[in-house]
Amino acid sequence: MKMPDMSNFSFSDPSKYGFEANMTRDEAAQILGVKKYSKKPEVMQAYKTLMRMNHPDTGGSPYIAAKVNEAKDLLVTGKNASGSNRNW
């Protein structure tokens, strides 16, 4: 098996390779598939749809469910997982 060329590899775009350490509003919107400043009902609808598919009780990933919850909380309340307000 031939190895891919990694000479120009970079983690400069975290959205391509995983989650950022502290979730941003942009990342939360990407996870839920909504716009960055969506209204609460739109965020909640997207959240419910994703949780139906990814809830750990129905065979989904606990990690993905936690990220979906974190994204919903950030977009609805404006607070990250640590509870601090985000400035935007």
C-alpha atoms as a PDB file:
ATOM      1  CA  MET A   1       0.000   0.000   0.000  1.00  0.00           C
ATOM      2  CA  LYS A   2       1.398   3.391  -0.998  1.00  0.00           C
ATOM      3  CA  MET A   3       1.521   6.043   1.762  1.00  0.00           C
ATOM      4  CA  PRO A   4       0.047   9.486   0.945  1.00  0.00           C
ATOM      5  CA  ASP A   5       2.394  12.448   0.537  1.00  0.00           C
ATOM      6  CA  MET A   6       2.382  14.180   3.953  1.00  0.00           C
ATOM      7  CA  SER A   7       5.009  16.840   3.162  1.00  0.00           C
ATOM      8  CA  ASN A   8       2.423  19.656   2.979  1.00  0.00           C
ATOM      9  CA  PHE A   9       0.184  18.330   5.748  1.00  0.00           C
ATOM     10  CA  SER A  10      -1.042  20.893   8.293  1.00  0.00           C
ATOM     11  CA  PHE A  11      -3.638  21.140  11.030  1.00  0.00           C
ATOM     12  CA  SER A  12      -4.309  24.784  10.160  1.00  0.00           C
ATOM     13  CA  ASP A  13      -7.989  24.040   9.460  1.00  0.00           C
ATOM     14  CA  PRO A  14      -9.370  22.101  12.452  1.00  0.00           C
ATOM     15  CA  SER A  15     -12.791  21.659  10.809  1.00  0.00           C
ATOM     16  CA  LYS A  16     -11.151  19.211   8.382  1.00  0.00           C
ATOM     17  CA  TYR A  17      -9.511  17.088  11.086  1.00  0.00           C
ATOM     18  CA  GLY A  18     -11.696  17.185  14.193  1.00  0.00           C
ATOM     19  CA  PHE A  19     -13.042  19.473  16.871  1.00  0.00           C
ATOM     20  CA  GLU A  20     -11.404  22.575  18.301  1.00  0.00           C
ATOM     21  CA  ALA A  21     -10.400  22.511  21.983  1.00  0.00           C
ATOM     22  CA  ASN A  22     -12.965  25.181  22.901  1.00  0.00           C
ATOM     23  CA  MET A  23     -16.058  25.079  20.735  1.00  0.00           C
ATOM     24  CA  THR A  24     -16.726  28.248  18.774  1.00  0.00           C
ATOM     25  CA  ARG A  25     -20.040  29.516  17.496  1.00  0.00           C
ATOM     26  CA  ASP A  26     -18.912  28.662  13.949  1.00  0.00           C
ATOM     27  CA  GLU A  27     -18.114  25.082  14.922  1.00  0.00           C
ATOM     28  CA  ALA A  28     -21.397  24.717  16.827  1.00  0.00           C
ATOM     29  CA  ALA A  29     -23.324  25.903  13.771  1.00  0.00           C
ATOM     30  CA  GLN A  30     -21.447  23.423  11.560  1.00  0.00           C
ATOM     31  CA  ILE A  31     -22.205  20.539  13.910  1.00  0.00           C
ATOM     32  CA  LEU A  32     -25.931  21.314  13.976  1.00  0.00           C
ATOM     33  CA  GLY A  33     -26.134  22.320  10.327  1.00  0.00           C
ATOM     34  CA  VAL A  34     -27.600  25.754  11.038  1.00  0.00           C
ATOM     35  CA  LYS A  35     -26.449  29.319  10.518  1.00  0.00           C
ATOM     36  CA  LYS A  36     -24.208  30.932  13.116  1.00  0.00           C
ATOM     37  CA  TYR A  37     -26.958  33.239  14.436  1.00  0.00           C
ATOM     38  CA  SER A  38     -30.000  30.993  14.017  1.00  0.00           C
ATOM     39  CA  LYS A  39     -33.017  31.471  16.254  1.00  0.00           C
ATOM     40  CA  LYS A  40     -33.636  29.065  19.131  1.00  0.00           C
ATOM     41  CA  PRO A  41     -36.464  27.083  17.426  1.00  0.00           C
ATOM     42  CA  GLU A  42     -34.247  26.310  14.413  1.00  0.00           C
ATOM     43  CA  VAL A  43     -31.353  25.283  16.668  1.00  0.00           C
ATOM     44  CA  MET A  44     -33.628  23.069  18.756  1.00  0.00           C
ATOM     45  CA  GLN A  45     -35.126  21.369  15.680  1.00  0.00           C
ATOM     46  CA  ALA A  46     -31.660  20.572  14.339  1.00  0.00           C
ATOM     47  CA  TYR A  47     -30.581  19.383  17.802  1.00  0.00           C
ATOM     48  CA  LYS A  48     -33.572  17.033  18.150  1.00  0.00           C
ATOM     49  CA  THR A  49     -33.033  15.600  14.684  1.00  0.00           C
ATOM     50  CA  LEU A  50     -29.362  14.882  15.350  1.00  0.00           C
ATOM     51  CA  MET A  51     -30.000  13.446  18.801  1.00  0.00           C
ATOM     52  CA  ARG A  52     -32.616  11.039  17.419  1.00  0.00           C
ATOM     53  CA  MET A  53     -29.899   9.651  15.146  1.00  0.00           C
ATOM     54  CA  ASN A  54     -26.967   9.778  17.588  1.00  0.00           C
ATOM     55  CA  HIS A  55     -28.322   9.195  21.098  1.00  0.00           C
ATOM     56  CA  PRO A  56     -26.251   6.636  23.026  1.00  0.00           C
ATOM     57  CA  ASP A  57     -29.394   4.826  24.228  1.00  0.00           C
ATOM     58  CA  THR A  58     -30.226   3.960  20.615  1.00  0.00           C
ATOM     59  CA  GLY A  59     -26.736   2.866  19.628  1.00  0.00           C
ATOM     60  CA  GLY A  60     -25.253   6.283  18.872  1.00  0.00           C
ATOM     61  CA  SER A  61     -21.894   7.611  19.957  1.00  0.00           C
ATOM     62  CA  PRO A  62     -21.654   9.186  23.424  1.00  0.00           C
ATOM     63  CA  TYR A  63     -18.908  11.476  22.113  1.00  0.00           C
ATOM     64  CA  ILE A  64     -20.992  12.730  19.183  1.00  0.00           C
ATOM     65  CA  ALA A  65     -24.027  13.182  21.453  1.00  0.00           C
ATOM     66  CA  ALA A  66     -21.895  15.239  23.856  1.00  0.00           C
ATOM     67  CA  LYS A  67     -20.671  17.451  21.009  1.00  0.00           C
ATOM     68  CA  VAL A  68     -24.236  17.929  19.726  1.00  0.00           C
ATOM     69  CA  ASN A  69     -25.331  18.894  23.255  1.00  0.00           C
ATOM     70  CA  GLU A  70     -22.410  21.293  23.609  1.00  0.00           C
ATOM     71  CA  ALA A  71     -23.216  22.891  20.238  1.00  0.00           C
ATOM     72  CA  LYS A  72     -26.877  23.332  21.182  1.00  0.00           C
ATOM     73  CA  ASP A  73     -25.991  24.849  24.548  1.00  0.00           C
ATOM     74  CA  LEU A  74     -23.534  27.271  22.977  1.00  0.00           C
ATOM     75  CA  LEU A  75     -25.961  28.484  20.299  1.00  0.00           C
ATOM     76  CA  VAL A  76     -28.974  28.716  22.618  1.00  0.00           C
ATOM     77  CA  THR A  77     -27.385  30.173  25.759  1.00  0.00           C
ATOM     78  CA  GLY A  78     -24.216  31.747  24.371  1.00  0.00           C
ATOM     79  CA  LYS A  79     -22.108  29.865  26.915  1.00  0.00           C
ATOM     80  CA  ASN A  80     -19.439  27.265  26.229  1.00  0.00           C
ATOM     81  CA  ALA A  81     -19.070  24.000  28.144  1.00  0.00           C
ATOM     82  CA  SER A  82     -17.191  25.692  30.988  1.00  0.00           C
ATOM     83  CA  GLY A  83     -20.112  28.078  31.463  1.00  0.00           C
ATOM     84  CA  SER A  84     -18.252  31.222  30.471  1.00  0.00           C
ATOM     85  CA  ASN A  85     -19.894  33.742  28.166  1.00  0.00           C
ATOM     86  CA  ARG A  86     -18.576  34.038  24.657  1.00  0.00           C
ATOM     87  CA  ASN A  87     -17.909  37.506  23.274  1.00  0.00           C
ATOM     88  CA  TRP A  88     -19.354  38.014  19.810  1.00  0.00           C
END
